[in-house]
Structures are given as C-alpha cells and as structure tokens.
Amino acid sequence: MSFCLGLTGSIGMGKSTTAQMFADAGCALWDADAAVHRLYAPGGAAVRPVAQVFPTAVVDGAISRDALKQIITADETALKTIEGIVHPLVAADRAAFRASAQADILVFDIPLLFETGGDASMDAVACVSVSDDEQERRVMARGTMTLAQFRQIKAKQMPNREKCARSDFVIVTDTLDHARGQVQDVIRQIRAKTDNA
C-alpha cells in the first residue's frame, strides 16, 4: 500500500522544483497542472464536453487557455461550468495514477490542495514555503505577469502561513540544497512510519 503525500504551496514558492526532487528520490509524482494540460490537449478528455458548452474555447482541436480566459472574463458563471466539467476528469486522472503507480510514496503536486479539500484524501501534506519578498521576486523574475496580476492570484490563494499551519511537513525552499535535504528528511520520516506500521 503506497503512502499518499499531498504537495502544495502558493505561486512562486518552488513547488514544481520540490516535486521534481521527490521524483528524483524515487517517489511517483502526479502533477495536477500536467493533468489539466493532458485533458486540454488534442484528443484530451475535456475537449469535447467543453466544446459542447463553449465552442469558442476550442482552437485547432485543443482547449485554448487564452480563449477560456476571455470566456470567464465575459461570463461570471463560466468558471463554475468549466470546473464542473474539468474537476471530475482531473479526479479520474488522479485515481488512475493512484491505482497504477508502483512506488512506496506517491506525491500529488496540487496547488489548491487545501482550497479544494484534496488534503482529506492524503496520508500527509507537505507545504513549500519561502518569505513573501522572495516569493514576489521569483514570480516577477519569470516575466509572465504584472505585479498587480501576481497580487490578484495571491489574494485568491489560502495565505501561506495557514497552509503551513495545516501541513504535516513544511519545506523551506530558500536554497536548492536546503530544500533537497528537507525532501530527503520527509521521505525518511514517511518510510520510517510505514515500515513500522
């Protein structure tokens, strides 16, 4: 029986890098964002049901994120409708991974783990964290959004200190070496716990 670890953290906290560290250490990794990309790609399970409700969302056989943004901006009920289609498909993708993965530790990289109640189906939760200043610096360095957009996204997410307080493990990602050492420590603690179970 595999141990299921939820991995979460706000934008710019280093979650994707930390998730890769777990994968490099032999854990099986499921990535919520990657699952959505698969569902949105040509032939993906979300394409047809989304096209039936929002035909303009599909461009060249795939769901266009830009088109979705325009639809959601124009229609405040659209997001709920899209989530109603996509969330069950993401859950099915996650369940399929859980059923087929062979590793002793399964890591579920889910940005909105607490916000969506996904923590209830995990054996433990690890939250990545860094200072507010460093978070803002990292996001701005990507050059993909304005400061106002970043602050808008951050305002919609559960505050970092609350995520940390609700988590079993907190991984501080101030440096790669520090983060890697903490990842190895989390894996050691989980294996010690499961070996004694």
C-alpha atoms as a PDB file:
ATOM      1  CA  MET A   1       0.000   0.000   0.000  1.00  0.00           C
ATOM      2  CA  SER A   2       1.550   3.279  -1.111  1.00  0.00           C
ATOM      3  CA  PHE A   3       1.751   6.358   1.126  1.00  0.00           C
ATOM      4  CA  CYS A   4      -0.001   9.358  -0.434  1.00  0.00           C
ATOM      5  CA  LEU A   5       1.690  12.714   0.176  1.00  0.00           C
ATOM      6  CA  GLY A   6      -0.022  15.901  -0.937  1.00  0.00           C
ATOM      7  CA  LEU A   7       2.423  18.610  -2.004  1.00  0.00           C
ATOM      8  CA  THR A   8       1.137  22.159  -2.053  1.00  0.00           C
ATOM      9  CA  GLY A   9       2.273  25.751  -1.890  1.00  0.00           C
ATOM     10  CA  SER A  10       1.395  29.138  -3.284  1.00  0.00           C
ATOM     11  CA  ILE A  11       2.657  30.628  -6.547  1.00  0.00           C
ATOM     12  CA  GLY A  12       6.426  31.215  -6.639  1.00  0.00           C
ATOM     13  CA  MET A  13       7.182  29.063  -3.597  1.00  0.00           C
ATOM     14  CA  GLY A  14       9.202  26.444  -5.512  1.00  0.00           C
ATOM     15  CA  LYS A  15       6.640  23.651  -5.614  1.00  0.00           C
ATOM     16  CA  SER A  16       7.473  22.312  -9.090  1.00  0.00           C
ATOM     17  CA  THR A  17      11.199  22.198  -8.276  1.00  0.00           C
ATOM     18  CA  THR A  18      10.473  20.464  -4.968  1.00  0.00           C
ATOM     19  CA  ALA A  19       8.117  17.989  -6.664  1.00  0.00           C
ATOM     20  CA  GLN A  20      10.926  17.053  -9.058  1.00  0.00           C
ATOM     21  CA  MET A  21      13.210  16.428  -6.049  1.00  0.00           C
ATOM     22  CA  PHE A  22      10.700  13.878  -4.728  1.00  0.00           C
ATOM     23  CA  ALA A  23      10.573  12.236  -8.176  1.00  0.00           C
ATOM     24  CA  ASP A  24      14.390  12.165  -8.376  1.00  0.00           C
ATOM     25  CA  ALA A  25      14.416  10.423  -4.973  1.00  0.00           C
ATOM     26  CA  GLY A  26      12.234   7.578  -6.286  1.00  0.00           C
ATOM     27  CA  CYS A  27       8.727   8.777  -5.436  1.00  0.00           C
ATOM     28  CA  ALA A  28       5.980   8.558  -8.069  1.00  0.00           C
ATOM     29  CA  LEU A  29       4.727  12.048  -8.980  1.00  0.00           C
ATOM     30  CA  TRP A  30       1.288  13.170 -10.127  1.00  0.00           C
ATOM     31  CA  ASP A  31       1.065  16.811 -11.226  1.00  0.00           C
ATOM     32  CA  ALA A  32      -2.367  18.475 -11.268  1.00  0.00           C
ATOM     33  CA  ASP A  33      -1.290  21.127 -13.810  1.00  0.00           C
ATOM     34  CA  ALA A  34       0.154  18.459 -16.128  1.00  0.00           C
ATOM     35  CA  ALA A  35      -3.109  16.501 -15.856  1.00  0.00           C
ATOM     36  CA  VAL A  36      -5.077  19.577 -16.959  1.00  0.00           C
ATOM     37  CA  HIS A  37      -2.680  20.037 -19.902  1.00  0.00           C
ATOM     38  CA  ARG A  38      -3.349  16.412 -20.959  1.00  0.00           C
ATOM     39  CA  LEU A  39      -7.111  16.943 -20.687  1.00  0.00           C
ATOM     40  CA  TYR A  40      -6.923  20.181 -22.747  1.00  0.00           C
ATOM     41  CA  ALA A  41      -4.634  18.786 -25.480  1.00  0.00           C
ATOM     42  CA  PRO A  42      -5.967  17.497 -28.829  1.00  0.00           C
ATOM     43  CA  GLY A  43      -7.866  14.296 -28.082  1.00  0.00           C
ATOM     44  CA  GLY A  44      -7.942  15.127 -24.354  1.00  0.00           C
ATOM     45  CA  ALA A  45     -10.992  14.061 -22.356  1.00  0.00           C
ATOM     46  CA  ALA A  46     -12.068  17.662 -21.621  1.00  0.00           C
ATOM     47  CA  VAL A  47     -12.077  18.900 -25.240  1.00  0.00           C
ATOM     48  CA  ARG A  48     -15.452  17.548 -26.373  1.00  0.00           C
ATOM     49  CA  PRO A  49     -17.515  18.363 -23.227  1.00  0.00           C
ATOM     50  CA  VAL A  50     -16.068  21.901 -23.033  1.00  0.00           C
ATOM     51  CA  ALA A  51     -16.674  22.437 -26.774  1.00  0.00           C
ATOM     52  CA  GLN A  52     -20.330  21.478 -26.331  1.00  0.00           C
ATOM     53  CA  VAL A  53     -20.840  24.328 -23.843  1.00  0.00           C
ATOM     54  CA  PHE A  54     -18.240  26.834 -25.088  1.00  0.00           C
ATOM     55  CA  PRO A  55     -17.440  26.121 -28.771  1.00  0.00           C
ATOM     56  CA  THR A  56     -15.081  29.133 -28.998  1.00  0.00           C
ATOM     57  CA  ALA A  57     -12.860  27.632 -26.277  1.00  0.00           C
ATOM     58  CA  VAL A  58     -11.525  25.015 -28.699  1.00  0.00           C
ATOM     59  CA  VAL A  59      -8.847  26.071 -31.188  1.00  0.00           C
ATOM     60  CA  ASP A  60      -7.174  23.532 -33.523  1.00  0.00           C
ATOM     61  CA  GLY A  61      -8.700  20.621 -31.618  1.00  0.00           C
ATOM     62  CA  ALA A  62      -7.398  21.710 -28.201  1.00  0.00           C
ATOM     63  CA  ILE A  63      -8.800  23.878 -25.433  1.00  0.00           C
ATOM     64  CA  SER A  64      -7.201  27.326 -25.618  1.00  0.00           C
ATOM     65  CA  ARG A  65      -6.383  28.797 -22.212  1.00  0.00           C
ATOM     66  CA  ASP A  66      -6.498  32.291 -23.730  1.00  0.00           C
ATOM     67  CA  ALA A  67      -9.987  31.631 -25.112  1.00  0.00           C
ATOM     68  CA  LEU A  68     -11.071  30.256 -21.716  1.00  0.00           C
ATOM     69  CA  LYS A  69      -9.805  33.426 -20.005  1.00  0.00           C
ATOM     70  CA  GLN A  70     -11.870  35.567 -22.383  1.00  0.00           C
ATOM     71  CA  ILE A  71     -14.971  33.421 -21.789  1.00  0.00           C
ATOM     72  CA  ILE A  72     -14.536  33.563 -17.996  1.00  0.00           C
ATOM     73  CA  THR A  73     -13.977  37.349 -18.106  1.00  0.00           C
ATOM     74  CA  ALA A  74     -17.135  37.870 -20.180  1.00  0.00           C
ATOM     75  CA  ASP A  75     -19.355  35.454 -18.226  1.00  0.00           C
ATOM     76  CA  GLU A  76     -19.027  35.189 -14.447  1.00  0.00           C
ATOM     77  CA  THR A  77     -20.879  31.824 -14.386  1.00  0.00           C
ATOM     78  CA  ALA A  78     -18.496  30.247 -16.929  1.00  0.00           C
ATOM     79  CA  LEU A  79     -15.762  29.316 -14.431  1.00  0.00           C
ATOM     80  CA  LYS A  80     -18.162  27.207 -12.340  1.00  0.00           C
ATOM     81  CA  THR A  81     -19.373  25.447 -15.504  1.00  0.00           C
ATOM     82  CA  ILE A  82     -15.818  24.737 -16.690  1.00  0.00           C
ATOM     83  CA  GLU A  83     -14.773  23.495 -13.242  1.00  0.00           C
ATOM     84  CA  GLY A  84     -17.833  21.225 -13.216  1.00  0.00           C
ATOM     85  CA  ILE A  85     -16.531  19.570 -16.388  1.00  0.00           C
ATOM     86  CA  VAL A  86     -12.793  19.569 -15.688  1.00  0.00           C
ATOM     87  CA  HIS A  87     -12.568  18.738 -11.962  1.00  0.00           C
ATOM     88  CA  PRO A  88     -14.170  15.260 -12.236  1.00  0.00           C
ATOM     89  CA  LEU A  89     -11.838  14.461 -15.167  1.00  0.00           C
ATOM     90  CA  VAL A  90      -8.812  15.570 -13.128  1.00  0.00           C
ATOM     91  CA  ALA A  91     -10.029  13.416 -10.215  1.00  0.00           C
ATOM     92  CA  ALA A  92     -10.349  10.419 -12.556  1.00  0.00           C
ATOM     93  CA  ASP A  93      -6.805  11.020 -13.876  1.00  0.00           C
ATOM     94  CA  ARG A  94      -5.515  11.166 -10.286  1.00  0.00           C
ATOM     95  CA  ALA A  95      -7.388   7.970  -9.341  1.00  0.00           C
ATOM     96  CA  ALA A  96      -5.932   6.141 -12.366  1.00  0.00           C
ATOM     97  CA  PHE A  97      -2.419   7.225 -11.345  1.00  0.00           C
ATOM     98  CA  ARG A  98      -3.052   6.116  -7.760  1.00  0.00           C
ATOM     99  CA  ALA A  99      -4.266   2.693  -8.920  1.00  0.00           C
ATOM    100  CA  SER A 100      -1.326   2.045 -11.267  1.00  0.00           C
ATOM    101  CA  ALA A 101       1.697   3.672  -9.568  1.00  0.00           C
ATOM    102  CA  GLN A 102       4.248   1.229  -8.140  1.00  0.00           C
ATOM    103  CA  ALA A 103       6.311   3.431  -5.787  1.00  0.00           C
ATOM    104  CA  ASP A 104       6.051   3.235  -1.983  1.00  0.00           C
ATOM    105  CA  ILE A 105       5.437   7.006  -1.818  1.00  0.00           C
ATOM    106  CA  LEU A 106       3.066   8.773  -4.218  1.00  0.00           C
ATOM    107  CA  VAL A 107       3.423  12.565  -4.340  1.00  0.00           C
ATOM    108  CA  PHE A 108       0.444  14.617  -5.534  1.00  0.00           C
ATOM    109  CA  ASP A 109       1.517  18.092  -6.686  1.00  0.00           C
ATOM    110  CA  ILE A 110      -1.713  20.085  -6.228  1.00  0.00           C
ATOM    111  CA  PRO A 111      -1.510  23.906  -5.960  1.00  0.00           C
ATOM    112  CA  LEU A 112      -5.018  24.303  -4.477  1.00  0.00           C
ATOM    113  CA  LEU A 113      -4.935  21.164  -2.307  1.00  0.00           C
ATOM    114  CA  PHE A 114      -6.475  22.779   0.784  1.00  0.00           C
ATOM    115  CA  GLU A 115      -8.776  25.098  -1.172  1.00  0.00           C
ATOM    116  CA  THR A 116     -10.372  22.121  -2.965  1.00  0.00           C
ATOM    117  CA  GLY A 117     -10.458  19.797   0.081  1.00  0.00           C
ATOM    118  CA  GLY A 118      -7.982  17.425  -1.571  1.00  0.00           C
ATOM    119  CA  ASP A 119      -5.992  17.128   1.655  1.00  0.00           C
ATOM    120  CA  ALA A 120      -8.728  14.822   3.033  1.00  0.00           C
ATOM    121  CA  SER A 121      -7.636  12.014   0.678  1.00  0.00           C
ATOM    122  CA  MET A 122      -3.911  12.271   1.557  1.00  0.00           C
ATOM    123  CA  ASP A 123      -1.965  10.432   4.261  1.00  0.00           C
ATOM    124  CA  ALA A 124       0.044  13.610   4.921  1.00  0.00           C
ATOM    125  CA  VAL A 125       0.628  17.041   3.390  1.00  0.00           C
ATOM    126  CA  ALA A 126       3.894  18.878   2.705  1.00  0.00           C
ATOM    127  CA  CYS A 127       3.816  22.628   2.014  1.00  0.00           C
ATOM    128  CA  VAL A 128       6.635  24.509   0.293  1.00  0.00           C
ATOM    129  CA  SER A 129       7.332  27.932   1.697  1.00  0.00           C
ATOM    130  CA  VAL A 130       9.580  30.945   1.326  1.00  0.00           C
ATOM    131  CA  SER A 131       9.442  34.571   2.508  1.00  0.00           C
ATOM    132  CA  ASP A 132       6.888  36.939   0.934  1.00  0.00           C
ATOM    133  CA  ASP A 133       9.700  39.066  -0.533  1.00  0.00           C
ATOM    134  CA  GLU A 134      11.393  36.073  -2.152  1.00  0.00           C
ATOM    135  CA  GLN A 135       8.059  34.783  -3.467  1.00  0.00           C
ATOM    136  CA  GLU A 136       7.354  38.121  -5.160  1.00  0.00           C
ATOM    137  CA  ARG A 137      10.920  38.345  -6.515  1.00  0.00           C
ATOM    138  CA  ARG A 138      10.686  34.865  -8.091  1.00  0.00           C
ATOM    139  CA  VAL A 139       7.307  35.456  -9.715  1.00  0.00           C
ATOM    140  CA  MET A 140       8.355  38.853 -11.104  1.00  0.00           C
ATOM    141  CA  ALA A 141      11.614  37.345 -12.433  1.00  0.00           C
ATOM    142  CA  ARG A 142       9.583  34.975 -14.644  1.00  0.00           C
ATOM    143  CA  GLY A 143       8.333  37.965 -16.624  1.00  0.00           C
ATOM    144  CA  THR A 144       4.966  36.317 -17.268  1.00  0.00           C
ATOM    145  CA  MET A 145       2.707  38.637 -15.266  1.00  0.00           C
ATOM    146  CA  THR A 146       2.450  42.090 -13.772  1.00  0.00           C
ATOM    147  CA  LEU A 147       2.749  42.793 -10.049  1.00  0.00           C
ATOM    148  CA  ALA A 148      -0.999  43.506  -9.980  1.00  0.00           C
ATOM    149  CA  GLN A 149      -1.769  40.114 -11.583  1.00  0.00           C
ATOM    150  CA  PHE A 150       0.513  38.344  -9.102  1.00  0.00           C
ATOM    151  CA  ARG A 151      -1.165  40.052  -6.155  1.00  0.00           C
ATOM    152  CA  GLN A 152      -4.593  39.160  -7.555  1.00  0.00           C
ATOM    153  CA  ILE A 153      -3.619  35.460  -7.793  1.00  0.00           C
ATOM    154  CA  LYS A 154      -2.052  35.536  -4.330  1.00  0.00           C
ATOM    155  CA  ALA A 155      -5.207  37.090  -2.864  1.00  0.00           C
ATOM    156  CA  LYS A 156      -7.282  34.152  -4.173  1.00  0.00           C
ATOM    157  CA  GLN A 157      -4.998  31.554  -2.595  1.00  0.00           C
ATOM    158  CA  MET A 158      -5.090  30.499   1.041  1.00  0.00           C
ATOM    159  CA  PRO A 159      -2.457  32.514   2.978  1.00  0.00           C
ATOM    160  CA  ASN A 160       0.914  30.773   3.127  1.00  0.00           C
ATOM    161  CA  ARG A 161       1.075  30.730   6.941  1.00  0.00           C
ATOM    162  CA  GLU A 162      -2.324  28.994   7.064  1.00  0.00           C
ATOM    163  CA  LYS A 163      -1.200  26.363   4.543  1.00  0.00           C
ATOM    164  CA  CYS A 164       1.964  25.777   6.587  1.00  0.00           C
ATOM    165  CA  ALA A 165      -0.019  25.501   9.831  1.00  0.00           C
ATOM    166  CA  ARG A 166      -2.327  22.866   8.299  1.00  0.00           C
ATOM    167  CA  SER A 167       0.528  20.800   6.819  1.00  0.00           C
ATOM    168  CA  ASP A 168       2.389  17.849   8.349  1.00  0.00           C
ATOM    169  CA  PHE A 169       5.675  18.987   6.801  1.00  0.00           C
ATOM    170  CA  VAL A 170       6.947  22.430   5.754  1.00  0.00           C
ATOM    171  CA  ILE A 171       9.771  22.561   3.198  1.00  0.00           C
ATOM    172  CA  VAL A 172      11.582  25.903   3.089  1.00  0.00           C
ATOM    173  CA  THR A 173      12.854  26.470  -0.450  1.00  0.00           C
ATOM    174  CA  ASP A 174      15.304  29.327   0.189  1.00  0.00           C
ATOM    175  CA  THR A 175      18.121  27.328  -1.462  1.00  0.00           C
ATOM    176  CA  LEU A 176      18.100  24.164  -3.594  1.00  0.00           C
ATOM    177  CA  ASP A 177      20.394  22.293  -1.189  1.00  0.00           C
ATOM    178  CA  HIS A 178      18.270  23.206   1.827  1.00  0.00           C
ATOM    179  CA  ALA A 179      15.080  22.129   0.031  1.00  0.00           C
ATOM    180  CA  ARG A 180      16.657  18.850  -1.163  1.00  0.00           C
ATOM    181  CA  GLY A 181      17.811  17.995   2.367  1.00  0.00           C
ATOM    182  CA  GLN A 182      14.303  18.571   3.719  1.00  0.00           C
ATOM    183  CA  VAL A 183      12.762  16.448   0.940  1.00  0.00           C
ATOM    184  CA  GLN A 184      15.105  13.585   1.864  1.00  0.00           C
ATOM    185  CA  ASP A 185      14.179  14.037   5.525  1.00  0.00           C
ATOM    186  CA  VAL A 186      10.433  13.913   4.734  1.00  0.00           C
ATOM    187  CA  ILE A 187      10.957  10.702   2.734  1.00  0.00           C
ATOM    188  CA  ARG A 188      12.964   9.188   5.619  1.00  0.00           C
ATOM    189  CA  GLN A 189      10.230  10.058   8.127  1.00  0.00           C
ATOM    190  CA  ILE A 190       7.480   8.600   5.902  1.00  0.00           C
ATOM    191  CA  ARG A 191       9.431   5.384   5.275  1.00  0.00           C
ATOM    192  CA  ALA A 192      10.190   5.019   8.990  1.00  0.00           C
ATOM    193  CA  LYS A 193       6.496   5.419   9.753  1.00  0.00           C
ATOM    194  CA  THR A 194       5.308   2.985   7.059  1.00  0.00           C
ATOM    195  CA  ASP A 195       7.998   0.397   7.884  1.00  0.00           C
ATOM    196  CA  ASN A 196       6.781   0.360  11.495  1.00  0.00           C
ATOM    197  CA  ALA A 197       3.090   0.261  10.593  1.00  0.00           C
END
